[in-house]
Amino acid sequence: MPSKKSKGTALITGAAQRIGRSIALSLADQGFNIAIHCHRSQKEALKLMDLIRKKGVKCAIFICDLSDEKTTVSLISQVYKEFPDLNILVNNASIFYPSGLSTADLKSLDQNWAVNFRAPFILTCELARLARKGLVINLLDTNIVRNKTSHFGYLLSKKMLFEFTKMAAVELGPYIRVNGICPGLILAPSGKEHKYLERRAEKLPLKKVGNISNITKSVQFLIENDFLTGEVIFNDGGEQLI
């Protein structure tokens, strides 16, 4: 298939699976070259790269352990070297597992902080250093407005990323816009079935489960609306309201 005229390059962290994968495919359909970040999901990343290249855009895989500070710092420069038109960063990768304040140890706190907050912080700073103009989209969580403690380390790190989104938007304007998306009931957590989401959706104002296209449409909206920065879209069927 002949190459499309590129709109730039998007780096999506954790792009090999789930929401990240769908964002990568959607942006490829829009004409963006895609930099796939992955860590352990290399087989899935290879399959995704094949699909994306068939869409007529460029694609490459970048393997990086986001819990490692040194390799994370070098990720943007590696991507930029191959794709000098890098202009979109989607901080999608995160870790998610139960932990409470009374049972959590420093290792759990460090893991969540490193992947869910420090990595987006580093990558955003590096993008701002290298790119003349760009957009950062942080994938957050609708529960950032609450104080649920079943996933203490995870939620605390996402709350930090939420505040960083707003502060970075102020600091990096006008050349770098920084926004966020808070997914709600989109995909069931590992080990849960779709019925789990359906049961929870009964309590929502819209009383339904969302789908991946709700997230990819929000990404597209944030790309196209160049008067938005520091904005966070709660794509959750009204869950943050109750």
Protein backbone atom coordinates (compact mmCIF):
# COMPACT_ATOMS: atom_id res chain seq x y z
CA MET A 1 0.00 0.00 0.00
CA PRO A 2 1.43 3.47 -0.87
CA SER A 3 2.45 5.64 2.07
CA LYS A 4 0.03 8.29 3.28
CA LYS A 5 1.13 11.88 3.75
CA SER A 6 2.15 11.85 7.41
CA LYS A 7 0.53 14.15 9.97
CA GLY A 8 3.45 13.48 12.29
CA THR A 9 4.33 10.63 14.62
CA ALA A 10 2.56 9.46 17.76
CA LEU A 11 4.32 7.56 20.52
CA ILE A 12 1.86 5.47 22.54
CA THR A 13 3.20 3.81 25.67
CA GLY A 14 1.79 0.38 26.41
CA ALA A 15 0.52 0.27 22.84
CA ALA A 16 0.57 -3.48 22.26
CA GLN A 17 -2.68 -4.29 24.02
CA ARG A 18 -6.07 -3.02 25.16
CA ILE A 19 -6.72 0.74 24.98
CA GLY A 20 -3.21 1.57 23.80
CA ARG A 21 -3.54 -0.78 20.84
CA SER A 22 -6.82 0.80 19.76
CA ILE A 23 -5.40 4.31 20.04
CA ALA A 24 -2.43 3.29 17.89
CA LEU A 25 -4.69 1.83 15.18
CA SER A 26 -6.97 4.85 15.25
CA LEU A 27 -4.11 7.32 14.89
CA ALA A 28 -2.66 5.26 12.05
CA ASP A 29 -6.02 5.50 10.28
CA GLN A 30 -5.78 9.28 10.65
CA GLY A 31 -2.38 9.33 8.92
CA PHE A 32 0.04 9.42 11.84
CA ASN A 33 3.18 7.34 11.89
CA ILE A 34 3.20 5.18 15.01
CA ALA A 35 5.92 4.51 17.56
CA ILE A 36 4.81 1.48 19.55
CA HIS A 37 6.19 1.29 23.06
CA CYS A 38 6.09 -2.05 24.83
CA HIS A 39 7.95 -3.92 27.53
CA ARG A 40 6.95 -7.56 27.85
CA SER A 41 4.24 -7.67 25.14
CA GLN A 42 6.67 -7.92 22.24
CA LYS A 43 4.73 -10.59 20.31
CA GLU A 44 1.57 -8.50 20.43
CA ALA A 45 3.59 -5.43 19.39
CA LEU A 46 4.92 -7.22 16.30
CA LYS A 47 1.39 -8.15 15.23
CA LEU A 48 0.24 -4.59 15.77
CA MET A 49 3.14 -3.19 13.76
CA ASP A 50 2.18 -5.41 10.83
CA LEU A 51 -1.42 -4.15 10.95
CA ILE A 52 -0.33 -0.52 11.14
CA ARG A 53 2.12 -0.75 8.24
CA LYS A 54 -0.64 -2.19 6.07
CA LYS A 55 -2.49 1.09 6.62
CA GLY A 56 0.22 2.91 4.69
CA VAL A 57 2.05 4.66 7.52
CA LYS A 58 5.42 4.05 9.13
CA CYS A 59 5.67 2.10 12.35
CA ALA A 60 8.43 0.91 14.66
CA ILE A 61 8.64 -0.78 18.05
CA PHE A 62 10.56 0.63 21.01
CA ILE A 63 11.12 -1.68 23.96
CA CYS A 64 11.52 0.02 27.30
CA ASP A 65 10.99 -0.81 30.96
CA LEU A 66 9.26 2.34 32.22
CA SER A 67 10.13 1.46 35.79
CA ASP A 68 13.78 2.04 34.90
CA GLU A 69 14.60 5.75 35.01
CA LYS A 70 17.64 5.66 32.71
CA THR A 71 15.97 3.74 29.88
CA THR A 72 12.85 5.89 30.18
CA VAL A 73 14.89 9.07 29.82
CA SER A 74 16.35 7.78 26.54
CA LEU A 75 13.05 6.59 25.02
CA ILE A 76 11.95 9.89 23.47
CA SER A 77 15.36 10.53 21.92
CA GLN A 78 15.34 7.03 20.42
CA VAL A 79 11.93 7.64 18.88
CA TYR A 80 12.90 11.14 17.77
CA LYS A 81 15.98 9.81 16.02
CA GLU A 82 13.84 7.54 13.84
CA PHE A 83 10.81 9.84 13.67
CA PRO A 84 11.97 13.49 13.75
CA ASP A 85 8.35 14.55 13.18
CA LEU A 86 7.30 13.18 16.60
CA ASN A 87 4.53 15.46 17.81
CA ILE A 88 2.14 13.35 19.91
CA LEU A 89 2.79 11.48 23.14
CA VAL A 90 0.07 9.29 24.63
CA ASN A 91 0.99 8.22 28.16
CA ASN A 92 -1.17 5.12 28.30
CA ALA A 93 0.99 2.49 30.02
CA SER A 94 0.26 1.79 33.66
CA ILE A 95 0.36 -0.95 36.24
CA PHE A 96 -2.75 -1.86 38.23
CA TYR A 97 -3.04 -4.21 41.15
CA PRO A 98 -4.67 -4.15 44.60
CA SER A 99 -2.81 -2.53 47.47
CA GLY A 100 -3.96 -0.87 50.67
CA LEU A 101 -2.19 1.64 52.87
CA SER A 102 -1.88 -0.78 55.76
CA THR A 103 -0.65 -3.66 53.59
CA ALA A 104 1.39 -1.79 50.98
CA ASP A 105 5.15 -1.76 51.16
CA LEU A 106 7.61 0.72 49.70
CA LYS A 107 8.23 -1.56 46.74
CA SER A 108 4.56 -1.36 45.72
CA LEU A 109 4.55 2.41 46.12
CA ASP A 110 7.74 2.77 44.10
CA GLN A 111 6.42 0.56 41.27
CA ASN A 112 3.21 2.53 40.88
CA TRP A 113 4.97 5.86 41.19
CA ALA A 114 7.65 4.92 38.66
CA VAL A 115 5.39 3.59 35.89
CA ASN A 116 2.18 5.56 36.40
CA PHE A 117 3.66 8.97 37.21
CA ARG A 118 7.43 9.28 36.87
CA ALA A 119 7.54 7.81 33.36
CA PRO A 120 4.88 10.20 31.95
CA PHE A 121 6.68 13.06 33.73
CA ILE A 122 10.02 12.15 32.15
CA LEU A 123 8.60 11.52 28.68
CA THR A 124 6.66 14.78 28.70
CA CYS A 125 9.77 16.74 29.69
CA GLU A 126 11.82 15.05 26.99
CA LEU A 127 9.17 15.70 24.32
CA ALA A 128 9.09 19.37 25.28
CA ARG A 129 12.88 19.50 25.03
CA LEU A 130 13.08 17.97 21.55
CA ALA A 131 9.85 18.85 19.75
CA ARG A 132 9.04 22.35 18.57
CA LYS A 133 5.33 21.72 18.88
CA GLY A 134 3.28 18.84 20.20
CA LEU A 135 0.49 17.32 22.23
CA VAL A 136 0.60 15.12 25.32
CA ILE A 137 -2.43 13.02 26.28
CA ASN A 138 -2.38 11.34 29.67
CA LEU A 139 -4.65 8.36 30.31
CA LEU A 140 -5.96 8.78 33.84
CA ASP A 141 -8.85 7.12 35.69
CA THR A 142 -12.34 8.31 36.57
CA ASN A 143 -11.65 7.45 40.21
CA ILE A 144 -9.18 10.32 40.59
CA VAL A 145 -12.11 12.35 41.99
CA ARG A 146 -12.60 9.78 44.76
CA ASN A 147 -10.52 8.39 47.57
CA LYS A 148 -10.94 4.66 47.08
CA THR A 149 -8.19 2.75 48.83
CA SER A 150 -8.43 -0.76 47.34
CA HIS A 151 -5.71 0.16 44.81
CA PHE A 152 -3.97 2.73 46.96
CA GLY A 153 -0.64 3.03 45.13
CA TYR A 154 -2.27 3.02 41.70
CA LEU A 155 -4.86 5.69 42.46
CA LEU A 156 -2.38 7.92 44.28
CA SER A 157 -0.08 7.86 41.24
CA LYS A 158 -2.99 8.70 38.90
CA LYS A 159 -4.00 11.60 41.13
CA MET A 160 -0.46 12.90 40.83
CA LEU A 161 -0.61 12.55 37.04
CA PHE A 162 -3.90 14.48 37.02
CA GLU A 163 -2.31 17.43 38.82
CA PHE A 164 0.78 17.20 36.62
CA THR A 165 -1.44 17.42 33.52
CA LYS A 166 -2.68 20.83 34.58
CA MET A 167 0.64 22.17 35.79
CA ALA A 168 2.49 20.97 32.68
CA ALA A 169 -0.13 22.63 30.47
CA VAL A 170 0.70 25.97 32.10
CA GLU A 171 4.46 25.46 31.97
CA LEU A 172 4.75 24.09 28.42
CA GLY A 173 2.32 26.33 26.56
CA PRO A 174 2.02 27.62 23.94
CA TYR A 175 4.01 25.04 22.01
CA ILE A 176 3.12 21.86 23.89
CA ARG A 177 -0.49 21.18 24.85
CA VAL A 178 -1.16 18.73 27.71
CA ASN A 179 -4.55 17.10 28.25
CA GLY A 180 -5.98 13.99 29.81
CA ILE A 181 -8.70 11.37 29.44
CA CYS A 182 -10.33 9.55 32.36
CA PRO A 183 -11.80 6.26 31.15
CA GLY A 184 -14.56 4.63 33.14
CA LEU A 185 -16.14 1.24 32.44
CA ILE A 186 -14.49 0.54 29.10
CA LEU A 187 -12.62 -2.75 29.46
CA ALA A 188 -12.93 -5.30 32.24
CA PRO A 189 -9.85 -5.65 34.46
CA SER A 190 -7.72 -8.75 34.05
CA GLY A 191 -9.57 -11.75 35.44
CA LYS A 192 -13.01 -10.12 35.15
CA GLU A 193 -15.68 -10.75 32.51
CA HIS A 194 -17.80 -8.19 30.65
CA LYS A 195 -20.74 -8.98 32.92
CA TYR A 196 -18.74 -7.44 35.75
CA LEU A 197 -18.86 -4.13 33.90
CA GLU A 198 -22.55 -4.52 33.08
CA ARG A 199 -23.42 -4.98 36.75
CA ARG A 200 -21.45 -1.88 37.73
CA ALA A 201 -22.95 0.13 34.86
CA GLU A 202 -26.42 -0.15 36.41
CA LYS A 203 -25.32 2.45 38.96
CA LEU A 204 -24.17 4.99 36.34
CA PRO A 205 -26.31 7.88 35.09
CA LEU A 206 -26.11 6.48 31.53
CA LYS A 207 -26.52 2.87 32.75
CA LYS A 208 -24.30 1.39 30.09
CA VAL A 209 -20.77 0.21 29.48
CA GLY A 210 -18.52 2.28 27.25
CA ASN A 211 -16.36 1.00 24.43
CA ILE A 212 -12.92 1.60 22.98
CA SER A 213 -14.22 3.95 20.30
CA ASN A 214 -15.34 6.36 23.04
CA ILE A 215 -11.69 6.73 24.01
CA THR A 216 -10.27 6.95 20.48
CA LYS A 217 -12.86 9.63 19.61
CA SER A 218 -11.74 11.63 22.64
CA VAL A 219 -8.12 11.34 21.50
CA GLN A 220 -9.11 12.59 18.06
CA PHE A 221 -11.03 15.50 19.61
CA LEU A 222 -8.03 16.56 21.68
CA ILE A 223 -5.81 16.43 18.60
CA GLU A 224 -8.16 18.49 16.44
CA ASN A 225 -9.16 21.13 19.01
CA ASP A 226 -6.00 23.22 19.30
CA PHE A 227 -7.55 25.60 21.84
CA LEU A 228 -7.60 22.97 24.59
CA THR A 229 -4.85 22.50 27.13
CA GLY A 230 -4.99 21.42 30.75
CA GLU A 231 -8.35 19.82 30.02
CA VAL A 232 -9.38 16.37 31.28
CA ILE A 233 -12.24 14.50 29.64
CA PHE A 234 -14.17 12.16 31.92
CA ASN A 235 -15.23 9.48 29.46
CA ASP A 236 -17.15 7.43 32.00
CA GLY A 237 -20.91 7.55 31.48
CA GLY A 238 -21.23 10.03 34.32
CA GLU A 239 -19.49 7.86 36.90
CA GLN A 240 -17.49 10.79 38.33
CA LEU A 241 -20.76 12.50 39.22
CA ILE A 242 -21.98 9.91 41.72
